[in-house]
Amino acid sequence: MEDAALLHAALAAVWPEVERRLDRKGFEAFESAVLLELRAADARAAVEARGDGLRGSLDALFAPYPDLRRLVDAELDVLALLGERTDALTGTHDHVSALRRLDIPVNFVTDRAWDAKRLTFGGSRGTGDLAYGRAVLSIGDDRRMGELPKPGQWRLRLGKGPATGAAGAPAVRYETQFLGQVAQESDVDGSRSALVFVHGYNVDFDDALRRAAQLVYDLDFHGACVAYSWPSAGKRSAYVADEGHVHWSARHFRDFLELLLTRSGVDQVHVVAHSMGNRLLVDTLTRLDTTALPVGSGRLGQVVFAAPDVDAGVFTQAAEDFAGRADRFTLYASSKDKALIASRKVHGYHRAGQSGQGLVVVSGVDTVDASRLDTGLMSHSYFGDKDALLGDLHALVHHAHSPQERFRLRGETHAVGVYWSFAQ
């Protein structure tokens, strides 16, 4: 692996020059090819405990650019001469791949108050007006992404850099600028799609952006990424306060979603809400009739309720109201979710994100019991933590597959219909 590590380091040193010399289209194609080859080398090393073949592959990639190849060779000579063998450049393939990241743009909408001291949005309510903007998140690249091509707006970064999930200062934009940015980033392969992520309880603004970036990376989503961040206090002890904040934010989210559907030019909007964030989504779906929007508006595609901290009875009634307002509704639930178990004790009623005897099975919503996948902090983070669940979401977002078509799901009989679970 020493050879592969040194090649990573050499590429990192010359990468700014590569970006400077190639035009935008040429650079995007070249960095995608380099990224796929680096992933392939990591995969070979993980299986065979050796990293050979990378140098030859890079020879082929750099063949059209002999001047740049000479820069790489010169950097390799310098590293060899200096005896550069630090922990960051040697060791396992995991150490090597840690030197590779992708900068992912996240468009955001928030009704949080601005924190002038921290130069970011805080955990209290703003004026009620929505703030729009954009941030770039650094996400570590995983060799398991394999041959999946990256979206053009993601930038490959090599060498030492910010920790995974680190974000630059959020850049606040005007509403029209935000809509234009979303329209531009959504227009990939003619799909014109966007994915909106709504976080849950105990999530601060920066963490909301990190989760959105990680989600679109894991799903290899090529459209526009949008994070809606309501003013969660970002503290485990602030559950009751967060309930008030999310209720206050409901109308703002509804206004935003209508704006996105009617004025961004996006054809299809997917929405993934987690935990308490589902209260915003359920309220909006019952009040916003997406089938009655002006001609030319976008439509709701895949709507995902992930571990919803919503009263099960309220959700069941609401499902009757929002039926038909999206291409498909999917509910992920678990019998082991400790956060939802605690919420049930507080409220006295079953939560829509819980399975077991109170599992929500309602017409028009595909319910998936994810209990077999349940791990993580307070057993509430199985969403986004498991390959099987991410694979299921990928089939939803990319292919609009029904449960019958999705790998590893099996039908289960329920008193009022059929639900789905992950086969062991």
Protein backbone atom coordinates (compact mmCIF):
# COMPACT_ATOMS: atom_id res chain seq x y z
CA MET A 1 0.00 0.00 0.00
CA GLU A 2 2.99 2.31 0.31
CA ASP A 3 2.98 2.91 -3.45
CA ALA A 4 -0.73 3.76 -3.50
CA ALA A 5 -0.34 6.07 -0.51
CA LEU A 6 2.50 7.97 -2.16
CA LEU A 7 0.50 8.29 -5.37
CA HIS A 8 -2.39 9.75 -3.38
CA ALA A 9 0.01 12.24 -1.81
CA ALA A 10 1.56 13.15 -5.17
CA LEU A 11 -1.85 13.64 -6.76
CA ALA A 12 -2.90 15.83 -3.84
CA ALA A 13 0.13 18.05 -4.37
CA VAL A 14 -0.50 18.60 -8.09
CA TRP A 15 -4.32 18.58 -8.02
CA PRO A 16 -4.72 22.39 -7.87
CA GLU A 17 -2.57 22.65 -10.98
CA VAL A 18 -4.68 20.00 -12.73
CA GLU A 19 -7.82 21.99 -11.96
CA ARG A 20 -6.18 25.21 -13.18
CA ARG A 21 -5.01 23.82 -16.52
CA LEU A 22 -8.14 21.97 -17.64
CA ASP A 23 -11.38 23.62 -18.67
CA ARG A 24 -14.44 22.97 -16.51
CA LYS A 25 -15.91 20.18 -18.63
CA GLY A 26 -12.56 18.49 -19.11
CA PHE A 27 -11.70 18.71 -15.42
CA GLU A 28 -15.04 17.24 -14.31
CA ALA A 29 -14.56 14.26 -16.63
CA PHE A 30 -10.94 13.78 -15.55
CA GLU A 31 -11.60 13.96 -11.80
CA SER A 32 -14.44 11.46 -12.17
CA ALA A 33 -12.12 9.02 -13.96
CA VAL A 34 -9.41 9.48 -11.31
CA LEU A 35 -11.93 9.00 -8.50
CA LEU A 36 -13.20 5.71 -9.96
CA GLU A 37 -9.66 4.41 -10.36
CA LEU A 38 -8.70 5.33 -6.79
CA ARG A 39 -11.79 3.52 -5.49
CA ALA A 40 -10.94 0.48 -7.59
CA ALA A 41 -7.40 0.46 -6.21
CA ASP A 42 -8.74 0.61 -2.64
CA ALA A 43 -11.11 -2.27 -3.36
CA ARG A 44 -8.29 -4.39 -4.80
CA ALA A 45 -6.11 -3.63 -1.80
CA ALA A 46 -8.89 -4.54 0.64
CA VAL A 47 -9.28 -7.96 -0.97
CA GLU A 48 -5.74 -8.75 -2.04
CA ALA A 49 -3.77 -6.77 0.56
CA ARG A 50 -1.83 -5.10 -2.22
CA GLY A 51 -2.21 -1.87 -4.14
CA ASP A 52 -0.42 -2.57 -7.41
CA GLY A 53 -1.95 -1.57 -10.69
CA LEU A 54 -2.76 1.99 -9.67
CA ARG A 55 0.36 3.49 -11.22
CA GLY A 56 -0.37 1.84 -14.56
CA SER A 57 -3.97 3.01 -14.49
CA LEU A 58 -2.90 6.58 -13.80
CA ASP A 59 -0.42 6.35 -16.67
CA ALA A 60 -3.37 5.71 -18.98
CA LEU A 61 -5.48 8.49 -17.44
CA PHE A 62 -2.67 11.04 -17.72
CA ALA A 63 -1.66 9.98 -21.25
CA PRO A 64 -3.47 12.96 -22.87
CA TYR A 65 -1.76 15.31 -20.39
CA PRO A 66 2.00 14.55 -20.44
CA ASP A 67 2.92 17.83 -18.73
CA LEU A 68 0.68 17.00 -15.79
CA ARG A 69 2.05 13.46 -15.64
CA ARG A 70 5.56 14.88 -15.37
CA LEU A 71 4.40 16.97 -12.41
CA VAL A 72 3.12 13.83 -10.67
CA ASP A 73 6.41 12.02 -11.33
CA ALA A 74 8.38 14.97 -10.00
CA GLU A 75 6.30 15.02 -6.83
CA LEU A 76 6.84 11.27 -6.38
CA ASP A 77 10.59 11.81 -6.68
CA VAL A 78 10.47 14.52 -4.02
CA LEU A 79 8.47 12.34 -1.66
CA ALA A 80 10.87 9.44 -2.16
CA LEU A 81 13.87 11.70 -1.62
CA LEU A 82 12.44 13.11 1.59
CA GLY A 83 11.50 9.66 2.82
CA GLU A 84 7.90 10.79 3.37
CA ARG A 85 6.46 7.89 5.36
CA THR A 86 4.15 9.47 7.91
CA ASP A 87 1.10 7.72 9.30
CA ALA A 88 -1.05 9.75 6.94
CA LEU A 89 0.69 8.27 3.92
CA THR A 90 1.23 4.65 4.89
CA GLY A 91 -0.67 1.83 6.49
CA THR A 92 -3.94 0.25 5.48
CA HIS A 93 -6.13 1.10 2.53
CA ASP A 94 -8.49 2.81 4.99
CA HIS A 95 -5.75 5.30 5.87
CA VAL A 96 -5.21 5.96 2.18
CA SER A 97 -8.88 6.46 1.34
CA ALA A 98 -9.14 8.85 4.29
CA LEU A 99 -7.02 11.23 2.21
CA ARG A 100 -9.82 11.42 -0.35
CA ARG A 101 -12.95 13.51 0.11
CA LEU A 102 -15.78 14.98 -1.90
CA ASP A 103 -17.01 18.53 -1.42
CA ILE A 104 -20.80 18.41 -1.69
CA PRO A 105 -22.91 21.57 -2.01
CA VAL A 106 -25.99 21.76 0.20
CA ASN A 107 -28.64 24.39 -0.40
CA PHE A 108 -30.39 25.30 2.81
CA VAL A 109 -33.59 26.93 4.00
CA THR A 110 -34.06 27.84 7.64
CA ASP A 111 -36.18 29.87 10.03
CA ARG A 112 -33.52 29.80 12.75
CA ALA A 113 -32.11 33.00 14.24
CA TRP A 114 -28.64 34.03 13.06
CA ASP A 115 -25.89 33.68 15.69
CA ALA A 116 -23.54 36.60 15.02
CA LYS A 117 -20.89 35.31 17.45
CA ARG A 118 -20.61 31.87 15.87
CA LEU A 119 -21.33 33.10 12.33
CA THR A 120 -23.94 30.45 11.76
CA PHE A 121 -27.60 29.82 12.53
CA GLY A 122 -28.37 28.99 16.14
CA GLY A 123 -30.94 27.00 18.11
CA SER A 124 -33.58 29.68 18.61
CA ARG A 125 -36.39 31.00 16.45
CA GLY A 126 -35.82 33.74 13.93
CA THR A 127 -38.29 36.40 12.84
CA GLY A 128 -40.43 33.94 10.92
CA ASP A 129 -38.95 34.92 7.57
CA LEU A 130 -37.09 32.18 5.74
CA ALA A 131 -33.36 32.49 5.14
CA TYR A 132 -31.86 30.82 2.07
CA GLY A 133 -28.27 29.90 1.35
CA ARG A 134 -25.63 27.39 0.40
CA ALA A 135 -22.77 25.60 2.13
CA VAL A 136 -20.18 23.07 1.00
CA LEU A 137 -19.67 19.93 3.11
CA SER A 138 -16.62 17.68 2.99
CA ILE A 139 -17.57 13.98 3.00
CA GLY A 140 -15.00 11.19 3.11
CA ASP A 141 -15.13 8.99 0.01
CA ASP A 142 -15.92 5.31 0.47
CA ARG A 143 -14.46 2.73 -1.90
CA ARG A 144 -17.76 0.81 -1.64
CA MET A 145 -19.32 3.44 -3.89
CA GLY A 146 -17.42 1.54 -6.59
CA GLU A 147 -18.14 2.53 -10.17
CA LEU A 148 -20.93 4.97 -9.37
CA PRO A 149 -20.06 8.21 -11.16
CA LYS A 150 -20.12 11.35 -9.07
CA PRO A 151 -22.38 14.32 -9.91
CA GLY A 152 -20.64 17.13 -11.74
CA GLN A 153 -21.16 19.64 -8.91
CA TRP A 154 -19.23 17.48 -6.41
CA ARG A 155 -15.52 18.29 -6.20
CA LEU A 156 -12.81 15.71 -5.51
CA ARG A 157 -10.30 16.75 -2.82
CA LEU A 158 -7.09 14.84 -2.14
CA GLY A 159 -4.64 14.92 0.76
CA LYS A 160 -5.06 16.19 4.28
CA GLY A 161 -8.05 18.43 4.75
CA PRO A 162 -11.00 19.21 7.00
CA ALA A 163 -12.59 16.44 9.01
CA THR A 164 -15.43 14.54 7.44
CA GLY A 165 -18.58 16.63 7.63
CA ALA A 166 -16.73 19.91 8.06
CA ALA A 167 -18.53 22.82 6.51
CA GLY A 168 -17.47 26.22 5.36
CA ALA A 169 -19.35 29.27 6.61
CA PRO A 170 -22.91 29.24 5.23
CA ALA A 171 -23.39 31.77 2.45
CA VAL A 172 -26.77 33.46 2.71
CA ARG A 173 -28.53 34.06 -0.60
CA TYR A 174 -31.58 35.90 -1.82
CA GLU A 175 -34.64 33.79 -2.58
CA THR A 176 -34.19 34.24 -6.34
CA GLN A 177 -30.51 33.23 -6.11
CA PHE A 178 -31.45 30.14 -4.13
CA LEU A 179 -34.08 29.10 -6.67
CA GLY A 180 -31.64 29.64 -9.53
CA GLN A 181 -28.98 27.53 -7.80
CA VAL A 182 -31.43 24.70 -7.17
CA ALA A 183 -32.61 24.83 -10.77
CA GLN A 184 -29.02 24.63 -12.03
CA GLU A 185 -28.01 21.74 -9.78
CA SER A 186 -31.22 19.81 -10.43
CA ASP A 187 -30.70 19.76 -14.18
CA VAL A 188 -28.65 16.56 -14.41
CA ASP A 189 -29.27 13.98 -17.13
CA GLY A 190 -32.54 15.73 -17.90
CA SER A 191 -34.12 14.58 -14.63
CA ARG A 192 -34.53 18.03 -13.00
CA SER A 193 -34.91 16.60 -9.51
CA ALA A 194 -34.22 17.76 -5.96
CA LEU A 195 -34.03 15.98 -2.62
CA VAL A 196 -35.19 17.81 0.51
CA PHE A 197 -33.97 16.54 3.89
CA VAL A 198 -35.77 17.55 7.10
CA HIS A 199 -33.90 16.71 10.30
CA GLY A 200 -35.32 15.67 13.64
CA TYR A 201 -35.00 16.56 17.30
CA ASN A 202 -31.63 17.40 18.90
CA VAL A 203 -29.95 18.53 15.67
CA ASP A 204 -28.17 21.86 15.32
CA PHE A 205 -27.82 23.72 12.03
CA ASP A 206 -24.36 22.46 11.11
CA ASP A 207 -25.32 18.87 11.88
CA ALA A 208 -28.43 19.24 9.71
CA LEU A 209 -26.25 20.18 6.75
CA ARG A 210 -23.85 17.30 7.44
CA ARG A 211 -26.69 14.79 7.53
CA ALA A 212 -28.12 16.11 4.27
CA ALA A 213 -24.74 15.90 2.53
CA GLN A 214 -24.08 12.39 3.83
CA LEU A 215 -27.52 11.25 2.69
CA VAL A 216 -27.15 12.45 -0.91
CA TYR A 217 -23.63 10.98 -1.00
CA ASP A 218 -24.82 7.59 0.27
CA LEU A 219 -27.69 7.61 -2.21
CA ASP A 220 -25.46 8.89 -5.04
CA PHE A 221 -28.16 11.46 -5.71
CA HIS A 222 -27.30 13.63 -8.71
CA GLY A 223 -29.90 16.37 -8.37
CA ALA A 224 -30.06 19.38 -6.07
CA CYS A 225 -29.63 18.75 -2.35
CA VAL A 226 -31.75 20.93 -0.06
CA ALA A 227 -31.73 20.89 3.75
CA TYR A 228 -34.64 22.44 5.60
CA SER A 229 -33.49 23.27 9.13
CA TRP A 230 -36.09 24.24 11.72
CA PRO A 231 -34.84 25.72 15.03
CA SER A 232 -34.06 22.59 17.03
CA ALA A 233 -32.09 23.57 20.13
CA GLY A 234 -29.60 20.79 19.40
CA LYS A 235 -29.75 19.47 22.96
CA ARG A 236 -31.06 16.14 24.21
CA SER A 237 -32.57 17.91 27.23
CA ALA A 238 -34.60 20.27 25.01
CA TYR A 239 -37.21 17.80 23.73
CA VAL A 240 -40.20 19.83 24.92
CA ALA A 241 -38.71 23.05 23.55
CA ASP A 242 -38.11 21.34 20.20
CA GLU A 243 -41.76 20.29 20.09
CA GLY A 244 -42.74 23.93 20.33
CA HIS A 245 -40.19 24.97 17.72
CA VAL A 246 -41.26 22.36 15.18
CA HIS A 247 -44.92 23.34 15.60
CA TRP A 248 -44.00 27.01 15.09
CA SER A 249 -42.03 26.12 11.94
CA ALA A 250 -44.79 24.12 10.23
CA ARG A 251 -46.26 26.99 8.20
CA HIS A 252 -42.80 28.13 7.10
CA PHE A 253 -41.96 24.68 5.77
CA ARG A 254 -45.27 24.54 3.91
CA ASP A 255 -44.55 27.91 2.29
CA PHE A 256 -41.06 26.75 1.31
CA LEU A 257 -42.23 23.47 -0.24
CA GLU A 258 -44.88 25.26 -2.27
CA LEU A 259 -42.25 27.75 -3.44
CA LEU A 260 -39.90 24.95 -4.47
CA LEU A 261 -42.60 23.11 -6.40
CA THR A 262 -43.98 26.16 -8.19
CA ARG A 263 -41.02 28.46 -8.85
CA SER A 264 -37.76 26.48 -9.04
CA GLY A 265 -38.41 24.75 -12.35
CA VAL A 266 -37.68 21.38 -10.72
CA ASP A 267 -39.84 18.59 -12.14
CA GLN A 268 -39.62 16.18 -9.22
CA VAL A 269 -39.00 16.79 -5.51
CA HIS A 270 -38.21 13.92 -3.14
CA VAL A 271 -38.58 14.54 0.60
CA VAL A 272 -36.94 12.57 3.42
CA ALA A 273 -37.92 13.56 6.96
CA HIS A 274 -36.47 12.06 10.12
CA SER A 275 -37.87 11.77 13.64
CA MET A 276 -39.64 14.93 14.84
CA GLY A 277 -39.08 16.56 11.45
CA ASN A 278 -41.93 14.40 10.19
CA ARG A 279 -44.36 16.63 12.07
CA LEU A 280 -43.53 19.41 9.60
CA LEU A 281 -43.93 17.05 6.69
CA VAL A 282 -47.23 15.50 7.80
CA ASP A 283 -48.74 18.90 8.55
CA THR A 284 -47.68 20.22 5.14
CA LEU A 285 -48.96 17.21 3.24
CA THR A 286 -52.41 17.54 4.80
CA ARG A 287 -52.65 21.28 4.05
CA LEU A 288 -50.87 21.60 0.69
CA ASP A 289 -52.76 19.96 -2.16
CA THR A 290 -49.94 19.32 -4.61
CA THR A 291 -52.42 18.10 -7.21
CA ALA A 292 -53.96 21.58 -7.40
CA LEU A 293 -50.75 23.55 -8.03
CA PRO A 294 -50.46 25.74 -11.15
CA VAL A 295 -49.72 24.13 -14.50
CA GLY A 296 -45.98 23.61 -14.92
CA SER A 297 -45.31 23.04 -11.23
CA GLY A 298 -43.12 20.20 -10.05
CA ARG A 299 -44.52 17.13 -8.36
CA LEU A 300 -43.67 15.28 -5.18
CA GLY A 301 -41.83 12.07 -6.04
CA GLN A 302 -40.72 9.79 -3.21
CA VAL A 303 -41.81 10.95 0.25
CA VAL A 304 -40.10 9.10 3.10
CA PHE A 305 -41.16 9.16 6.75
CA ALA A 306 -38.09 7.85 8.60
CA ALA A 307 -38.66 6.92 12.26
CA PRO A 308 -41.45 9.51 12.53
CA ASP A 309 -42.02 10.90 16.01
CA VAL A 310 -45.67 11.54 15.20
CA ASP A 311 -48.73 10.27 17.04
CA ALA A 312 -49.78 7.07 15.24
CA GLY A 313 -53.46 8.03 15.29
CA VAL A 314 -52.72 11.49 13.92
CA PHE A 315 -50.58 9.98 11.16
CA THR A 316 -53.29 7.48 10.21
CA GLN A 317 -55.90 10.23 9.89
CA ALA A 318 -53.51 12.49 7.99
CA ALA A 319 -52.70 9.71 5.50
CA GLU A 320 -56.31 9.81 4.34
CA ASP A 321 -55.92 13.52 3.58
CA PHE A 322 -52.60 13.40 1.73
CA ALA A 323 -53.32 10.27 -0.31
CA GLY A 324 -52.32 10.75 -3.95
CA ARG A 325 -50.25 13.90 -3.36
CA ALA A 326 -46.92 12.19 -4.13
CA ASP A 327 -45.76 9.36 -6.37
CA ARG A 328 -45.15 7.12 -3.36
CA PHE A 329 -45.16 7.37 0.43
CA THR A 330 -42.86 5.12 2.48
CA LEU A 331 -42.80 4.78 6.27
CA TYR A 332 -39.79 3.19 8.02
CA ALA A 333 -40.56 1.96 11.55
CA SER A 334 -38.83 -0.07 14.27
CA SER A 335 -39.83 -1.91 17.44
CA LYS A 336 -36.47 -1.17 19.09
CA ASP A 337 -36.24 2.58 18.65
CA LYS A 338 -35.49 3.79 22.19
CA ALA A 339 -36.07 7.45 21.41
CA LEU A 340 -39.57 6.68 20.12
CA ILE A 341 -40.23 4.39 23.08
CA ALA A 342 -39.38 7.33 25.35
CA SER A 343 -41.60 9.63 23.28
CA ARG A 344 -44.49 7.20 23.65
CA LYS A 345 -44.10 7.31 27.43
CA VAL A 346 -44.18 11.10 27.35
CA HIS A 347 -47.24 11.34 25.11
CA GLY A 348 -49.09 8.22 26.19
CA TYR A 349 -49.74 7.00 22.64
CA HIS A 350 -47.93 4.88 20.07
CA ARG A 351 -45.65 6.73 17.63
CA ALA A 352 -45.92 6.26 13.88
CA GLY A 353 -42.26 5.25 13.75
CA GLN A 354 -42.77 2.29 16.10
CA SER A 355 -43.57 -1.19 14.88
CA GLY A 356 -44.94 -4.02 17.00
CA GLN A 357 -48.62 -4.21 17.92
CA GLY A 358 -49.27 -0.57 17.10
CA LEU A 359 -47.58 -0.64 13.68
CA VAL A 360 -49.18 1.87 11.31
CA VAL A 361 -50.49 0.17 8.19
CA VAL A 362 -52.68 2.44 6.10
CA SER A 363 -53.78 2.56 2.49
CA GLY A 364 -51.49 4.61 0.26
CA VAL A 365 -48.39 4.30 2.48
CA ASP A 366 -45.81 1.51 2.18
CA THR A 367 -44.83 0.60 5.74
CA VAL A 368 -41.42 -1.04 6.18
CA ASP A 369 -40.42 -2.58 9.51
CA ALA A 370 -36.67 -1.91 9.87
CA SER A 371 -36.33 -3.53 13.30
CA ARG A 372 -33.81 -6.11 12.08
CA LEU A 373 -31.46 -3.28 11.06
CA ASP A 374 -31.74 -1.35 14.29
CA THR A 375 -28.44 -0.14 15.77
CA GLY A 376 -26.88 3.11 16.85
CA LEU A 377 -27.19 5.81 19.47
CA MET A 378 -30.42 5.29 21.43
CA SER A 379 -31.38 2.90 18.60
CA HIS A 380 -32.67 6.00 16.78
CA SER A 381 -29.98 6.27 14.12
CA TYR A 382 -30.65 3.11 12.14
CA PHE A 383 -31.87 5.51 9.48
CA GLY A 384 -28.77 6.32 7.44
CA ASP A 385 -26.58 3.76 9.24
CA LYS A 386 -27.35 0.55 7.42
CA ASP A 387 -26.42 -0.54 3.92
CA ALA A 388 -29.67 -2.48 3.48
CA LEU A 389 -31.81 0.54 4.32
CA LEU A 390 -29.73 2.83 2.12
CA GLY A 391 -30.03 0.29 -0.68
CA ASP A 392 -33.79 0.33 -0.25
CA LEU A 393 -33.85 4.13 -0.36
CA HIS A 394 -31.64 4.06 -3.44
CA ALA A 395 -34.15 1.83 -5.23
CA LEU A 396 -36.91 4.24 -4.25
CA VAL A 397 -35.24 7.49 -5.27
CA HIS A 398 -33.46 6.29 -8.41
CA HIS A 399 -35.91 3.76 -9.79
CA ALA A 400 -39.26 4.40 -8.03
CA HIS A 401 -39.45 0.69 -7.32
CA SER A 402 -42.44 -0.68 -5.46
CA PRO A 403 -41.81 -2.81 -2.34
CA GLN A 404 -42.36 -5.95 -4.43
CA GLU A 405 -39.46 -4.92 -6.68
CA ARG A 406 -37.01 -3.97 -3.95
CA PHE A 407 -34.24 -6.32 -2.87
CA ARG A 408 -34.51 -7.93 0.59
CA LEU A 409 -38.08 -6.81 1.34
CA ARG A 410 -40.70 -9.42 2.05
CA GLY A 411 -44.43 -9.01 2.55
CA GLU A 412 -46.01 -9.52 5.97
CA THR A 413 -49.70 -9.97 6.78
CA HIS A 414 -51.41 -7.36 8.94
CA ALA A 415 -55.01 -7.09 10.14
CA VAL A 416 -55.70 -4.16 7.80
CA GLY A 417 -53.38 -4.97 4.92
CA VAL A 418 -49.78 -5.79 4.06
CA TYR A 419 -46.56 -4.28 5.34
CA TRP A 420 -42.93 -5.06 4.54
CA SER A 421 -39.87 -6.12 6.48
CA PHE A 422 -36.22 -6.79 5.72
CA ALA A 423 -35.47 -10.46 5.19
CA GLN A 424 -32.59 -11.82 7.25
